Amino acid sequence: SYVRRMGALFTLREQLNFLMIHRQHGSVVGCCGFTRTQWEFRQFEIGFWLATQETGKGLMTEACHALVRFAESELKATKITLRCDAENEKSR
């Protein structure tokens, strides 16, 4: 149901989410993408989640860098935002 919902939001251009698949065992370990989009201004907000056992390995940092590169080169972004709860030390 999650994949169907994300597919519908992608089709509507409301969210552009990408599942993060572990290179070695092929399981889903997270998701990242553009959760708030303002196409008319080319502004995007990055959202993400990561499985607890995968934190601290640099995976989300790598994924966010890739999203920024994608937004700049392919979406011609004028603004990219990433917010997190200040209390969430791992996200921060």
Foldseek 3Di string as FASTA:
>chain_A
DVVVVQVVCVVVVQWDKDFDADPPPGDTFKMKTFNGADLVQLETEIDMDGHPVPFPPCPVVVVVVVRVVCSCPPSVHPYYHYDDDPPPVSVD
